[in-house]
Amino acid sequence: MALERPTPSSAGVSERMSRARRRDTAPEMLIRKEAHRRGLRYRVDAAIPGMPRRRADMIFAGARVAVFVDGCFWHSCPEHTSIPRANREWWVAKLETNQLRDRATDAHLEGLGWTVLRFWEHEDPLTAVDAVETAVRAH
């Protein structure tokens, strides 16, 4: 059941939210560029096997590794999460739904034998790629 979107609190908020990138964010690009520099090859914004409406930021199909670079706001980072004051109840429900969807995606992939790696947008890209490289090269 989808949440009915509330009326934006202002035109500025509406404009800002409509510009939020779903893919190719700066943190994601840093991780992708470093992974590519290290010789790792991957698919970008790829559909999750068996879940066509869900996508991973990077997929290493041969190694069965899926990588997600989660934004602090949209995925409720424990260090940086914030809830907008306007339409608060809607945002609480929306962000909780995002977290539940993330866990369901993780469980689905793990059930298929995939390794799931999630990184917060504020994490060091080199450390993230170290973990990705270890997982990919282990297969």
Protein backbone atom coordinates (compact mmCIF):
# COMPACT_ATOMS: atom_id res chain seq x y z
CA MET A 1 0.00 0.00 0.00
CA ALA A 2 1.58 3.26 -1.13
CA LEU A 3 1.50 6.29 1.10
CA GLU A 4 -0.58 9.13 -0.31
CA ARG A 5 1.72 12.08 -0.81
CA PRO A 6 0.94 15.12 1.30
CA THR A 7 0.69 18.60 -0.08
CA PRO A 8 4.19 20.15 -0.13
CA SER A 9 4.71 22.71 2.61
CA SER A 10 6.09 25.20 0.07
CA ALA A 11 7.01 25.51 -3.59
CA GLY A 12 10.68 25.66 -2.58
CA VAL A 13 10.47 22.34 -0.73
CA SER A 14 8.66 20.77 -3.66
CA GLU A 15 11.32 21.98 -6.10
CA ARG A 16 14.19 20.82 -3.87
CA MET A 17 12.73 17.35 -3.36
CA SER A 18 12.03 16.91 -7.08
CA ARG A 19 15.73 17.50 -7.80
CA ALA A 20 16.92 14.77 -5.42
CA ARG A 21 18.95 12.29 -7.42
CA ARG A 22 18.04 8.62 -7.38
CA ARG A 23 21.30 7.51 -8.96
CA ASP A 24 24.73 8.92 -9.79
CA THR A 25 24.99 10.79 -6.49
CA ALA A 26 28.40 12.20 -5.56
CA PRO A 27 29.13 9.49 -2.94
CA GLU A 28 28.07 6.76 -5.37
CA MET A 29 30.27 8.20 -8.13
CA LEU A 30 33.31 8.29 -5.84
CA ILE A 31 32.84 4.63 -4.96
CA ARG A 32 32.23 3.64 -8.59
CA LYS A 33 35.28 5.51 -9.87
CA GLU A 34 37.56 3.95 -7.26
CA ALA A 35 36.16 0.47 -7.91
CA HIS A 36 36.72 0.93 -11.64
CA ARG A 37 40.25 2.25 -11.03
CA ARG A 38 40.97 -0.99 -9.13
CA GLY A 39 39.84 -3.06 -12.10
CA LEU A 40 36.44 -4.05 -10.75
CA ARG A 41 33.70 -4.17 -13.37
CA TYR A 42 30.05 -3.88 -12.47
CA ARG A 43 26.58 -2.96 -13.68
CA VAL A 44 25.11 0.34 -12.52
CA ASP A 45 21.53 0.86 -11.31
CA ALA A 46 20.75 -2.77 -12.03
CA ALA A 47 17.52 -4.59 -11.30
CA ILE A 48 17.57 -6.98 -8.37
CA PRO A 49 17.06 -10.60 -9.52
CA GLY A 50 13.48 -11.56 -8.80
CA MET A 51 12.56 -8.01 -7.72
CA PRO A 52 12.28 -5.99 -10.95
CA ARG A 53 11.09 -2.78 -9.28
CA ARG A 54 14.12 -2.68 -6.96
CA ARG A 55 17.59 -1.69 -8.03
CA ALA A 56 21.11 -1.88 -6.66
CA ASP A 57 23.59 0.94 -7.14
CA MET A 58 26.22 -1.55 -8.31
CA ILE A 59 25.94 -5.25 -9.12
CA PHE A 60 28.81 -7.65 -9.59
CA ALA A 61 26.76 -10.44 -11.15
CA GLY A 62 29.53 -13.04 -11.47
CA ALA A 63 30.49 -12.67 -7.82
CA ARG A 64 26.87 -12.21 -6.73
CA VAL A 65 27.61 -9.00 -4.83
CA ALA A 66 25.12 -6.14 -4.64
CA VAL A 67 26.23 -2.70 -3.43
CA PHE A 68 23.99 0.07 -2.14
CA VAL A 69 25.11 3.60 -1.27
CA ASP A 70 22.33 4.82 1.00
CA GLY A 71 21.54 8.48 1.53
CA CYS A 72 21.38 9.51 5.17
CA PHE A 73 17.98 11.20 4.84
CA TRP A 74 16.16 8.66 2.67
CA HIS A 75 17.40 5.59 4.52
CA SER A 76 17.40 7.02 8.08
CA CYS A 77 21.08 6.98 8.97
CA PRO A 78 21.44 6.56 12.76
CA GLU A 79 24.01 9.38 12.83
CA HIS A 80 22.36 11.92 10.54
CA THR A 81 18.68 11.11 10.29
CA SER A 82 16.22 13.97 10.44
CA ILE A 83 12.48 14.18 10.07
CA PRO A 84 10.97 17.24 8.39
CA ARG A 85 8.65 19.23 10.63
CA ALA A 86 6.05 19.74 7.90
CA ASN A 87 3.96 16.60 7.27
CA ARG A 88 5.85 14.84 10.03
CA GLU A 89 3.60 11.77 10.33
CA TRP A 90 3.81 11.14 6.59
CA TRP A 91 7.62 11.41 6.64
CA VAL A 92 7.93 9.06 9.60
CA ALA A 93 5.85 6.46 7.78
CA LYS A 94 7.71 7.04 4.49
CA LEU A 95 11.16 6.65 6.03
CA GLU A 96 10.11 3.56 8.00
CA THR A 97 8.76 2.05 4.78
CA ASN A 98 12.11 2.75 3.08
CA GLN A 99 13.94 0.92 5.86
CA LEU A 100 11.57 -2.06 5.69
CA ARG A 101 12.03 -2.22 1.91
CA ASP A 102 15.83 -2.16 2.37
CA ARG A 103 15.69 -5.07 4.84
CA ALA A 104 13.37 -7.05 2.53
CA THR A 105 15.74 -6.47 -0.40
CA ASP A 106 18.71 -7.58 1.70
CA ALA A 107 16.90 -10.73 2.85
CA HIS A 108 15.80 -11.58 -0.69
CA LEU A 109 19.32 -11.24 -2.10
CA GLU A 110 20.91 -13.12 0.79
CA GLY A 111 18.35 -15.88 0.32
CA LEU A 112 19.59 -16.20 -3.28
CA GLY A 113 23.17 -16.50 -2.04
CA TRP A 114 24.23 -12.91 -2.76
CA THR A 115 26.46 -10.76 -0.59
CA VAL A 116 24.82 -7.43 0.19
CA LEU A 117 26.99 -4.43 1.03
CA ARG A 118 25.42 -1.19 2.21
CA PHE A 119 27.31 2.03 2.80
CA TRP A 120 26.11 5.37 4.10
CA GLU A 121 26.75 8.36 1.87
CA HIS A 122 29.07 9.85 4.53
CA GLU A 123 31.34 6.81 4.76
CA ASP A 124 34.87 6.94 3.38
CA PRO A 125 34.73 5.79 -0.26
CA LEU A 126 38.13 4.09 -0.09
CA THR A 127 37.07 2.02 2.91
CA ALA A 128 33.84 1.13 1.13
CA VAL A 129 35.70 -0.01 -1.98
CA ASP A 130 38.09 -2.04 0.17
CA ALA A 131 35.06 -4.01 1.42
CA VAL A 132 33.62 -4.31 -2.08
CA GLU A 133 36.92 -5.51 -3.52
CA THR A 134 37.32 -8.09 -0.77
CA ALA A 135 33.81 -9.46 -1.37
CA VAL A 136 34.11 -9.51 -5.16
CA ARG A 137 37.56 -11.06 -5.28
CA ALA A 138 36.53 -13.75 -2.74
CA HIS A 139 34.27 -15.34 -5.39
